[in-house]
N, C-alpha and C. Protein backbone atom coordinates (compact mmCIF):
# COMPACT_ATOMS: atom_id res chain seq x y z
N UNK A 1 209.25 119.51 75.78
CA UNK A 1 209.67 120.89 75.57
C UNK A 1 208.96 121.45 74.34
N UNK A 2 208.52 122.66 74.45
CA UNK A 2 207.82 123.36 73.38
C UNK A 2 208.83 123.84 72.36
N UNK A 3 208.65 123.43 71.10
CA UNK A 3 209.56 123.84 70.03
C UNK A 3 208.99 125.07 69.34
N UNK A 4 209.59 126.21 69.57
CA UNK A 4 209.07 127.47 69.07
C UNK A 4 209.13 127.57 67.55
N UNK A 5 209.94 126.78 66.89
CA UNK A 5 210.01 126.84 65.44
C UNK A 5 209.00 125.90 64.78
N UNK A 6 208.17 125.22 65.55
CA UNK A 6 207.22 124.28 64.97
C UNK A 6 206.25 124.96 64.01
N UNK A 7 206.02 126.25 64.18
CA UNK A 7 205.10 126.94 63.28
C UNK A 7 205.72 127.17 61.91
N UNK A 8 207.02 127.06 61.80
CA UNK A 8 207.68 127.22 60.51
C UNK A 8 208.06 125.85 59.94
N UNK A 9 208.55 124.97 60.79
CA UNK A 9 209.10 123.69 60.33
C UNK A 9 208.21 122.49 60.59
N UNK A 10 207.01 122.68 61.02
CA UNK A 10 206.16 121.55 61.31
C UNK A 10 204.71 121.92 61.12
N UNK A 11 203.87 121.39 61.93
CA UNK A 11 202.44 121.68 61.84
C UNK A 11 202.21 123.08 62.40
N UNK A 12 201.72 124.02 61.57
CA UNK A 12 201.63 125.40 62.02
C UNK A 12 200.46 125.69 62.95
N UNK A 13 199.48 124.81 63.03
CA UNK A 13 198.29 125.10 63.82
C UNK A 13 197.96 123.91 64.72
N UNK A 14 197.71 124.20 65.98
CA UNK A 14 197.24 123.17 66.90
C UNK A 14 195.91 123.62 67.44
N UNK A 15 194.89 122.82 67.26
CA UNK A 15 193.56 123.18 67.74
C UNK A 15 193.41 122.73 69.18
N UNK A 16 192.91 123.64 69.99
CA UNK A 16 192.62 123.30 71.37
C UNK A 16 191.54 124.23 71.89
N UNK A 17 190.74 123.73 72.78
CA UNK A 17 189.69 124.53 73.39
C UNK A 17 190.29 125.25 74.59
N UNK A 18 190.14 126.56 74.62
CA UNK A 18 190.74 127.33 75.72
C UNK A 18 189.71 127.85 76.71
N UNK A 19 188.45 127.56 76.49
CA UNK A 19 187.42 128.00 77.43
C UNK A 19 186.71 129.24 76.96
N UNK A 20 185.98 129.84 77.89
CA UNK A 20 185.21 131.05 77.58
C UNK A 20 185.43 132.09 78.67
N UNK A 21 185.13 133.33 78.32
CA UNK A 21 185.19 134.42 79.29
C UNK A 21 186.60 134.75 79.75
N UNK A 22 186.69 135.26 80.98
CA UNK A 22 187.99 135.69 81.51
C UNK A 22 188.98 134.53 81.61
N UNK A 23 188.47 133.31 81.87
CA UNK A 23 189.37 132.15 81.92
C UNK A 23 190.08 131.97 80.58
N UNK A 24 189.34 132.11 79.48
CA UNK A 24 189.93 131.94 78.15
C UNK A 24 190.96 133.03 77.88
N UNK A 25 190.67 134.26 78.31
CA UNK A 25 191.61 135.35 78.11
C UNK A 25 192.90 135.10 78.88
N UNK A 26 192.78 134.68 80.15
CA UNK A 26 193.97 134.37 80.95
C UNK A 26 194.77 133.24 80.32
N UNK A 27 194.06 132.23 79.80
CA UNK A 27 194.72 131.11 79.14
C UNK A 27 195.49 131.59 77.90
N UNK A 28 194.85 132.43 77.11
CA UNK A 28 195.50 132.97 75.90
C UNK A 28 196.69 133.84 76.28
N UNK A 29 196.54 134.70 77.28
CA UNK A 29 197.66 135.54 77.72
C UNK A 29 198.82 134.68 78.23
N UNK A 30 198.52 133.61 78.93
CA UNK A 30 199.57 132.71 79.41
C UNK A 30 200.30 132.04 78.26
N UNK A 31 199.57 131.67 77.21
CA UNK A 31 200.21 131.08 76.02
C UNK A 31 201.11 132.11 75.34
N UNK A 32 200.61 133.34 75.23
CA UNK A 32 201.41 134.40 74.64
C UNK A 32 202.66 134.66 75.47
N UNK A 33 202.49 134.69 76.79
CA UNK A 33 203.61 134.91 77.71
C UNK A 33 204.69 133.84 77.50
N UNK A 34 204.27 132.60 77.37
CA UNK A 34 205.22 131.50 77.17
C UNK A 34 205.97 131.66 75.84
N UNK A 35 205.24 132.01 74.79
CA UNK A 35 205.87 132.20 73.48
C UNK A 35 206.87 133.35 73.54
N UNK A 36 206.49 134.46 74.17
CA UNK A 36 207.38 135.62 74.26
C UNK A 36 208.64 135.27 75.05
N UNK A 37 208.48 134.59 76.18
CA UNK A 37 209.66 134.22 76.99
C UNK A 37 210.61 133.32 76.21
N UNK A 38 210.06 132.30 75.54
CA UNK A 38 210.92 131.39 74.77
C UNK A 38 211.54 132.10 73.58
N UNK A 39 210.77 132.94 72.92
CA UNK A 39 211.26 133.64 71.74
C UNK A 39 212.34 134.66 72.08
N UNK A 40 212.23 135.27 73.24
CA UNK A 40 213.18 136.32 73.60
C UNK A 40 214.60 135.79 73.81
N UNK A 41 214.75 134.50 73.97
CA UNK A 41 216.09 133.91 74.10
C UNK A 41 216.46 133.11 72.85
N UNK A 42 215.68 133.25 71.80
CA UNK A 42 215.96 132.59 70.53
C UNK A 42 216.98 133.44 69.76
N UNK A 43 218.03 132.83 69.27
CA UNK A 43 219.10 133.57 68.60
C UNK A 43 218.59 134.34 67.39
N UNK A 44 217.71 133.73 66.60
CA UNK A 44 217.17 134.37 65.40
C UNK A 44 216.41 135.65 65.76
N UNK A 45 215.59 135.60 66.78
CA UNK A 45 214.83 136.77 67.23
C UNK A 45 215.79 137.84 67.74
N UNK A 46 216.77 137.45 68.53
CA UNK A 46 217.74 138.40 69.08
C UNK A 46 218.52 139.10 67.95
N UNK A 47 218.92 138.35 66.94
CA UNK A 47 219.66 138.95 65.82
C UNK A 47 218.81 139.99 65.10
N UNK A 48 217.52 139.68 64.91
CA UNK A 48 216.63 140.66 64.30
C UNK A 48 216.56 141.92 65.16
N UNK A 49 216.41 141.76 66.46
CA UNK A 49 216.33 142.92 67.35
C UNK A 49 217.60 143.76 67.26
N UNK A 50 218.75 143.10 67.21
CA UNK A 50 220.02 143.81 67.10
C UNK A 50 220.12 144.59 65.79
N UNK A 51 219.53 144.05 64.72
CA UNK A 51 219.54 144.75 63.43
C UNK A 51 218.60 145.95 63.44
N UNK A 52 217.52 145.85 64.18
CA UNK A 52 216.50 146.90 64.22
C UNK A 52 216.98 148.11 65.00
N UNK A 53 217.69 147.87 66.10
CA UNK A 53 218.09 148.97 66.99
C UNK A 53 219.55 149.33 66.79
N UNK A 54 219.91 150.49 67.27
CA UNK A 54 221.30 150.89 67.38
C UNK A 54 221.66 150.63 68.84
N UNK A 55 222.64 149.79 69.09
CA UNK A 55 222.94 149.36 70.45
C UNK A 55 223.33 150.49 71.39
N UNK A 56 223.64 151.67 70.85
CA UNK A 56 223.99 152.79 71.71
C UNK A 56 222.78 153.65 72.07
N UNK A 57 221.60 153.32 71.54
CA UNK A 57 220.40 154.11 71.80
C UNK A 57 219.92 153.94 73.24
N UNK A 58 219.08 154.89 73.66
CA UNK A 58 218.40 154.77 74.95
C UNK A 58 217.33 153.69 74.83
N UNK A 59 216.81 153.24 75.97
CA UNK A 59 215.74 152.23 75.94
C UNK A 59 214.52 152.74 75.20
N UNK A 60 214.17 154.01 75.36
CA UNK A 60 213.02 154.57 74.65
C UNK A 60 213.26 154.55 73.14
N UNK A 61 214.46 154.90 72.72
CA UNK A 61 214.77 154.89 71.29
C UNK A 61 214.75 153.45 70.74
N UNK A 62 215.19 152.50 71.54
CA UNK A 62 215.12 151.10 71.12
C UNK A 62 213.68 150.65 70.98
N UNK A 63 212.84 151.01 71.96
CA UNK A 63 211.41 150.65 71.90
C UNK A 63 210.76 151.31 70.69
N UNK A 64 211.08 152.58 70.43
CA UNK A 64 210.55 153.27 69.24
C UNK A 64 210.97 152.57 67.95
N UNK A 65 212.23 152.14 67.88
CA UNK A 65 212.73 151.48 66.67
C UNK A 65 211.99 150.16 66.43
N UNK A 66 211.76 149.39 67.49
CA UNK A 66 211.02 148.13 67.35
C UNK A 66 209.58 148.42 66.94
N UNK A 67 208.97 149.40 67.58
CA UNK A 67 207.61 149.79 67.23
C UNK A 67 207.50 150.14 65.75
N UNK A 68 208.38 151.00 65.27
CA UNK A 68 208.34 151.43 63.86
C UNK A 68 208.63 150.27 62.91
N UNK A 69 209.52 149.38 63.28
CA UNK A 69 209.81 148.20 62.45
C UNK A 69 208.55 147.35 62.28
N UNK A 70 207.85 147.09 63.38
CA UNK A 70 206.65 146.26 63.31
C UNK A 70 205.56 146.97 62.50
N UNK A 71 205.38 148.26 62.70
CA UNK A 71 204.39 149.02 61.93
C UNK A 71 204.70 148.96 60.43
N UNK A 72 205.96 149.13 60.06
CA UNK A 72 206.35 149.14 58.64
C UNK A 72 206.20 147.78 57.97
N UNK A 73 206.33 146.71 58.74
CA UNK A 73 206.42 145.37 58.14
C UNK A 73 205.24 144.46 58.41
N UNK A 74 204.17 145.01 58.98
CA UNK A 74 203.01 144.18 59.28
C UNK A 74 201.73 144.88 58.84
N UNK A 75 200.68 144.10 58.77
CA UNK A 75 199.35 144.61 58.44
C UNK A 75 198.36 143.89 59.33
N UNK A 76 197.44 144.64 59.94
CA UNK A 76 196.46 144.03 60.83
C UNK A 76 195.37 143.32 60.02
N UNK A 77 195.15 142.05 60.34
CA UNK A 77 194.07 141.25 59.75
C UNK A 77 193.52 140.36 60.86
N UNK A 78 192.19 140.31 60.96
CA UNK A 78 191.56 139.47 61.99
C UNK A 78 191.80 137.99 61.70
N UNK A 79 191.76 137.19 62.77
CA UNK A 79 191.79 135.73 62.63
C UNK A 79 190.46 135.27 62.04
N UNK A 80 190.42 134.05 61.48
CA UNK A 80 189.14 133.52 61.00
C UNK A 80 188.12 133.48 62.14
N UNK A 81 186.87 133.74 61.82
CA UNK A 81 185.82 133.75 62.84
C UNK A 81 185.80 132.42 63.59
N UNK A 82 185.82 132.50 64.92
CA UNK A 82 185.76 131.31 65.75
C UNK A 82 187.10 130.67 66.05
N UNK A 83 188.18 131.24 65.55
CA UNK A 83 189.52 130.69 65.77
C UNK A 83 190.44 131.75 66.35
N UNK A 84 191.41 131.31 67.11
CA UNK A 84 192.44 132.20 67.64
C UNK A 84 193.79 131.64 67.25
N UNK A 85 194.48 132.32 66.34
CA UNK A 85 195.84 131.94 65.97
C UNK A 85 196.79 132.77 66.82
N UNK A 86 197.82 132.13 67.35
CA UNK A 86 198.90 132.86 68.01
C UNK A 86 200.18 132.35 67.36
N UNK A 87 200.79 133.20 66.58
CA UNK A 87 202.00 132.78 65.86
C UNK A 87 203.26 133.27 66.56
N UNK A 88 204.27 132.43 66.55
CA UNK A 88 205.54 132.83 67.13
C UNK A 88 206.16 133.91 66.26
N UNK A 89 207.11 134.69 66.78
CA UNK A 89 207.73 135.74 65.98
C UNK A 89 208.55 135.19 64.82
N UNK A 90 208.88 133.92 64.85
CA UNK A 90 209.62 133.32 63.75
C UNK A 90 208.82 133.44 62.45
N UNK A 91 207.51 133.26 62.52
CA UNK A 91 206.66 133.29 61.33
C UNK A 91 206.74 134.66 60.64
N UNK A 92 206.43 135.77 61.33
CA UNK A 92 206.52 137.06 60.63
C UNK A 92 207.95 137.43 60.24
N UNK A 93 208.92 137.09 61.08
CA UNK A 93 210.31 137.44 60.74
C UNK A 93 210.79 136.73 59.49
N UNK A 94 210.39 135.48 59.30
CA UNK A 94 210.75 134.75 58.06
C UNK A 94 210.12 135.42 56.84
N UNK A 95 208.85 135.83 56.96
CA UNK A 95 208.19 136.52 55.85
C UNK A 95 208.85 137.86 55.56
N UNK A 96 209.16 138.61 56.61
CA UNK A 96 209.82 139.90 56.44
C UNK A 96 211.18 139.71 55.79
N UNK A 97 211.89 138.66 56.19
CA UNK A 97 213.19 138.35 55.61
C UNK A 97 213.08 138.12 54.09
N UNK A 98 211.93 137.60 53.66
CA UNK A 98 211.68 137.35 52.24
C UNK A 98 211.13 138.59 51.53
N UNK A 99 211.05 139.72 52.23
CA UNK A 99 210.57 140.95 51.64
C UNK A 99 209.06 141.08 51.60
N UNK A 100 208.37 140.26 52.38
CA UNK A 100 206.91 140.29 52.40
C UNK A 100 206.40 141.01 53.64
N UNK A 101 205.15 141.40 53.59
CA UNK A 101 204.47 142.02 54.74
C UNK A 101 203.74 140.91 55.48
N UNK A 102 203.86 140.88 56.81
CA UNK A 102 203.16 139.89 57.62
C UNK A 102 201.77 140.41 57.96
N UNK A 103 200.74 139.58 57.80
CA UNK A 103 199.37 139.94 58.17
C UNK A 103 198.99 139.12 59.39
N UNK A 104 198.63 139.80 60.47
CA UNK A 104 198.24 139.12 61.69
C UNK A 104 197.34 140.00 62.54
N UNK A 105 196.77 139.41 63.57
CA UNK A 105 195.89 140.19 64.44
C UNK A 105 196.67 140.74 65.63
N UNK A 106 195.94 141.31 66.59
CA UNK A 106 196.61 142.02 67.68
C UNK A 106 197.55 141.12 68.47
N UNK A 107 197.16 139.86 68.74
CA UNK A 107 198.05 139.01 69.53
C UNK A 107 199.33 138.66 68.77
N UNK A 108 199.23 138.51 67.45
CA UNK A 108 200.44 138.23 66.65
C UNK A 108 201.40 139.41 66.69
N UNK A 109 200.87 140.63 66.57
CA UNK A 109 201.71 141.83 66.59
C UNK A 109 202.33 142.02 67.97
N UNK A 110 201.58 141.70 69.02
CA UNK A 110 202.10 141.81 70.38
C UNK A 110 203.23 140.81 70.61
N UNK A 111 203.01 139.56 70.20
CA UNK A 111 204.04 138.53 70.40
C UNK A 111 205.32 138.92 69.66
N UNK A 112 205.19 139.39 68.43
CA UNK A 112 206.37 139.81 67.66
C UNK A 112 207.09 140.96 68.35
N UNK A 113 206.38 142.03 68.66
CA UNK A 113 207.04 143.22 69.21
C UNK A 113 207.62 142.98 70.60
N UNK A 114 206.88 142.29 71.46
CA UNK A 114 207.38 142.08 72.82
C UNK A 114 208.52 141.06 72.85
N UNK A 115 208.52 140.10 71.95
CA UNK A 115 209.64 139.15 71.87
C UNK A 115 210.92 139.89 71.48
N UNK A 116 210.81 140.78 70.50
CA UNK A 116 211.97 141.58 70.10
C UNK A 116 212.44 142.47 71.24
N UNK A 117 211.50 143.15 71.90
CA UNK A 117 211.87 144.06 73.00
C UNK A 117 212.48 143.31 74.17
N UNK A 118 211.89 142.19 74.55
CA UNK A 118 212.41 141.41 75.68
C UNK A 118 213.79 140.83 75.36
N UNK A 119 214.02 140.50 74.09
CA UNK A 119 215.31 139.90 73.72
C UNK A 119 216.48 140.86 73.91
N UNK A 120 216.19 142.17 73.96
CA UNK A 120 217.26 143.16 74.20
C UNK A 120 217.17 143.75 75.60
N UNK A 121 216.45 143.05 76.49
CA UNK A 121 216.46 143.40 77.91
C UNK A 121 215.40 144.37 78.38
N UNK A 122 214.44 144.72 77.55
CA UNK A 122 213.38 145.61 78.01
C UNK A 122 212.30 144.81 78.74
N UNK A 123 211.87 145.25 79.92
CA UNK A 123 210.78 144.58 80.62
C UNK A 123 209.47 144.78 79.82
N UNK A 124 208.69 143.72 79.68
CA UNK A 124 207.47 143.80 78.89
C UNK A 124 206.30 143.16 79.65
N UNK A 125 205.09 143.55 79.26
CA UNK A 125 203.87 142.99 79.84
C UNK A 125 202.78 142.97 78.77
N UNK A 126 201.75 142.19 79.04
CA UNK A 126 200.58 142.08 78.17
C UNK A 126 199.41 142.81 78.82
N UNK A 127 198.57 143.43 78.01
CA UNK A 127 197.36 144.06 78.53
C UNK A 127 196.17 143.66 77.66
N UNK A 128 195.19 143.02 78.29
CA UNK A 128 193.91 142.74 77.63
C UNK A 128 192.98 143.88 78.00
N UNK A 129 192.14 144.30 77.04
CA UNK A 129 191.24 145.42 77.28
C UNK A 129 189.86 145.14 76.72
N UNK A 130 188.87 145.73 77.38
CA UNK A 130 187.49 145.71 76.92
C UNK A 130 187.07 147.16 76.71
N UNK A 131 186.23 147.39 75.72
CA UNK A 131 185.80 148.75 75.40
C UNK A 131 184.28 148.88 75.46
N UNK A 132 183.62 147.95 76.09
CA UNK A 132 182.17 147.97 76.16
C UNK A 132 181.71 148.70 77.42
N UNK A 133 180.57 149.37 77.32
CA UNK A 133 180.01 150.03 78.50
C UNK A 133 179.26 149.04 79.38
N UNK A 134 179.02 147.84 78.87
CA UNK A 134 178.35 146.81 79.66
C UNK A 134 179.33 146.22 80.66
N UNK A 135 178.95 146.11 81.94
CA UNK A 135 179.87 145.55 82.93
C UNK A 135 180.19 144.09 82.62
N UNK A 136 181.40 143.71 82.89
CA UNK A 136 181.89 142.33 82.70
C UNK A 136 181.86 141.88 81.25
N UNK A 137 181.83 142.82 80.30
CA UNK A 137 181.89 142.46 78.89
C UNK A 137 183.26 141.81 78.63
N UNK A 138 183.29 140.77 77.82
CA UNK A 138 184.56 140.08 77.58
C UNK A 138 185.63 141.00 76.99
N UNK A 139 186.86 140.67 77.28
CA UNK A 139 187.99 141.39 76.70
C UNK A 139 187.97 141.16 75.19
N UNK A 140 188.31 142.20 74.44
CA UNK A 140 188.25 142.10 72.98
C UNK A 140 189.55 142.48 72.30
N UNK A 141 190.55 142.89 73.06
CA UNK A 141 191.78 143.37 72.44
C UNK A 141 192.95 143.13 73.39
N UNK A 142 194.14 142.97 72.80
CA UNK A 142 195.35 142.84 73.60
C UNK A 142 196.43 143.71 72.96
N UNK A 143 197.22 144.35 73.81
CA UNK A 143 198.38 145.10 73.32
C UNK A 143 199.49 144.97 74.35
N UNK A 144 200.66 145.42 73.97
CA UNK A 144 201.82 145.27 74.84
C UNK A 144 202.07 146.49 75.69
N UNK A 145 202.92 146.28 76.69
CA UNK A 145 203.43 147.36 77.54
C UNK A 145 204.93 147.17 77.63
N UNK A 146 205.67 148.26 77.62
CA UNK A 146 207.12 148.23 77.79
C UNK A 146 207.47 149.16 78.95
N UNK A 147 208.30 148.68 79.85
CA UNK A 147 208.67 149.50 81.01
C UNK A 147 209.88 150.37 80.65
N UNK A 148 209.66 151.69 80.69
CA UNK A 148 210.70 152.66 80.37
C UNK A 148 210.76 153.68 81.51
N UNK A 149 211.93 153.88 82.04
CA UNK A 149 212.13 154.84 83.14
C UNK A 149 211.15 154.59 84.29
N UNK A 150 210.93 153.31 84.61
CA UNK A 150 210.09 152.94 85.74
C UNK A 150 208.58 153.01 85.50
N UNK A 151 208.16 153.33 84.27
CA UNK A 151 206.73 153.43 83.95
C UNK A 151 206.37 152.47 82.82
N UNK A 152 205.18 151.88 82.92
CA UNK A 152 204.69 151.00 81.86
C UNK A 152 204.09 151.86 80.75
N UNK A 153 204.64 151.74 79.55
CA UNK A 153 204.22 152.54 78.40
C UNK A 153 203.47 151.62 77.43
N UNK A 154 202.28 152.02 76.97
CA UNK A 154 201.54 151.21 76.00
C UNK A 154 202.32 151.04 74.69
N UNK A 155 202.24 149.84 74.15
CA UNK A 155 202.89 149.46 72.90
C UNK A 155 201.78 148.95 71.98
N UNK A 156 200.89 149.87 71.58
CA UNK A 156 199.67 149.57 70.83
C UNK A 156 199.95 149.66 69.34
N UNK A 157 200.04 148.52 68.68
CA UNK A 157 200.43 148.49 67.28
C UNK A 157 199.26 148.52 66.30
N UNK A 158 198.07 148.19 66.74
CA UNK A 158 196.94 148.14 65.82
C UNK A 158 196.55 149.54 65.36
N UNK A 159 196.48 150.48 66.26
CA UNK A 159 196.11 151.85 65.89
C UNK A 159 197.28 152.62 65.28
N UNK A 160 198.50 152.22 65.58
CA UNK A 160 199.72 152.79 65.00
C UNK A 160 199.83 154.30 65.23
N UNK A 161 199.43 154.75 66.41
CA UNK A 161 199.52 156.17 66.73
C UNK A 161 200.79 156.50 67.49
N UNK A 162 201.74 155.61 67.49
CA UNK A 162 203.02 155.86 68.15
C UNK A 162 203.11 155.23 69.52
N UNK A 163 204.34 155.05 69.96
CA UNK A 163 204.61 154.48 71.28
C UNK A 163 203.94 155.34 72.34
N UNK A 164 203.21 154.71 73.25
CA UNK A 164 202.56 155.42 74.34
C UNK A 164 201.08 155.64 74.15
N UNK A 165 200.58 155.43 72.92
CA UNK A 165 199.15 155.60 72.68
C UNK A 165 198.37 154.41 73.21
N UNK A 166 197.21 154.69 73.80
CA UNK A 166 196.25 153.63 74.10
C UNK A 166 194.86 154.20 73.91
N UNK A 167 193.93 153.36 73.50
CA UNK A 167 192.56 153.80 73.27
C UNK A 167 192.03 154.39 74.58
N UNK A 168 191.44 155.57 74.53
CA UNK A 168 191.05 156.24 75.77
C UNK A 168 189.81 155.67 76.46
N UNK A 169 189.07 154.80 75.80
CA UNK A 169 187.78 154.37 76.35
C UNK A 169 187.74 152.93 76.84
N UNK A 170 188.85 152.41 77.33
CA UNK A 170 188.79 151.05 77.86
C UNK A 170 187.99 151.05 79.16
N UNK A 171 187.17 150.01 79.34
CA UNK A 171 186.33 149.91 80.52
C UNK A 171 186.85 148.87 81.50
N UNK A 172 187.64 147.94 81.01
CA UNK A 172 188.28 146.91 81.85
C UNK A 172 189.65 146.63 81.26
N UNK A 173 190.61 146.38 82.13
CA UNK A 173 191.93 145.93 81.67
C UNK A 173 192.41 144.80 82.58
N UNK A 174 193.26 143.97 82.01
CA UNK A 174 193.93 142.90 82.76
C UNK A 174 195.38 142.88 82.28
N UNK A 175 196.32 143.09 83.19
CA UNK A 175 197.74 143.11 82.84
C UNK A 175 198.42 141.82 83.31
N UNK A 176 199.42 141.40 82.53
CA UNK A 176 200.21 140.23 82.89
C UNK A 176 201.66 140.50 82.50
N UNK A 177 202.53 140.61 83.51
CA UNK A 177 203.94 140.84 83.23
C UNK A 177 204.55 139.58 82.64
N UNK A 178 205.43 139.80 81.68
CA UNK A 178 206.13 138.70 81.02
C UNK A 178 207.50 138.63 81.62
């Protein structure tokens, strides 16, 4: 069984080769999906989500509250060149609990935000995107999607332009429901 708290209470990094190209992206998205599913039923993550939202709010207001919480308490920083870190939401939440700002890349922000959203019953998905004009250019970015009123709404935290924003020039996308 995968212990989601291992990044806080044990060895924080496990090195593994995930492949290249679209296979590597699917592998990474599947790892993120697994972390989000496990995290969304973690009591610590759920308690944070309950503190962030007002339980009487609409689903859109809940999604907005989670979005704003992540924007206020995180800072985008790339992973080291040649490495892909995917941290469970426990890592940033522990830092935030200590009054610190969490620094992570797009996949870290997605895992945090979608774990919180899924823990309060919002349907979520992952979206990998490419912005190159060259055909079959590898995916270079990932962001979340939240289903509100039957529509998938972008949950793009890197640009921080608000719930529903997505970069207008994506040339390829790959979605994976969580």
